[in-house]
Amino acid sequence: MQKKTILLAVSVISLTLISSASDRKYIVGPRPPDAQNLPFSDAVLVGDTLYLSGHIGIDPKTHQAASDPAVEAKLAMDGVKRTVESAGMTMDDIVSMQVFCTDMKQYDAFNEVYKSYFRGDYPARAFIGIDKLVRGARFEVMGIAVRKTK
């Protein structure tokens, strides 16, 4: 467990703002060596709205989806959390999420992990069954966050 905690802490530090144009900020986090030049940002911040790309639960050692569905769900949600926090927001700023899943039998297992990332009300959400995801993933999570105003 300590190795995973350390890896996640290092990942938080390595999220970077790669560029900004007027009111847009593009965020790209750590990627495996064979995914360095993929044509997308992990998120785009426009004003107070953060658009999150799909996050999958990649095992940092194998660069493939984690073998255990609960671990994979946690890694995917940790990626979402890192990205949201890199934009100066919290998970409670998320207003909408979409979860793509290759095995609908994993619905309850995913929800057990998902619930632990929110303190209050849950975002609007769709849980969508699909055939395949990249790198053999079971889950891909994307969403929208809006910074709370004081």
Foldseek 3Di string as FASTA:
>chain_A
DVVVVVVLVVQLVAWDFPDADVQKTFIATDAPPVCPPPPHGQWIGGHQKIWGDKFWQADPVPRAQDPDQLNGLLSRVSSVQSVQVVVVHAQQQFAEKEKEFQDCVCVVSSVVNVVVRDDDDDHHYHYHHDHADPRRTGIIMTGMGGHDDD
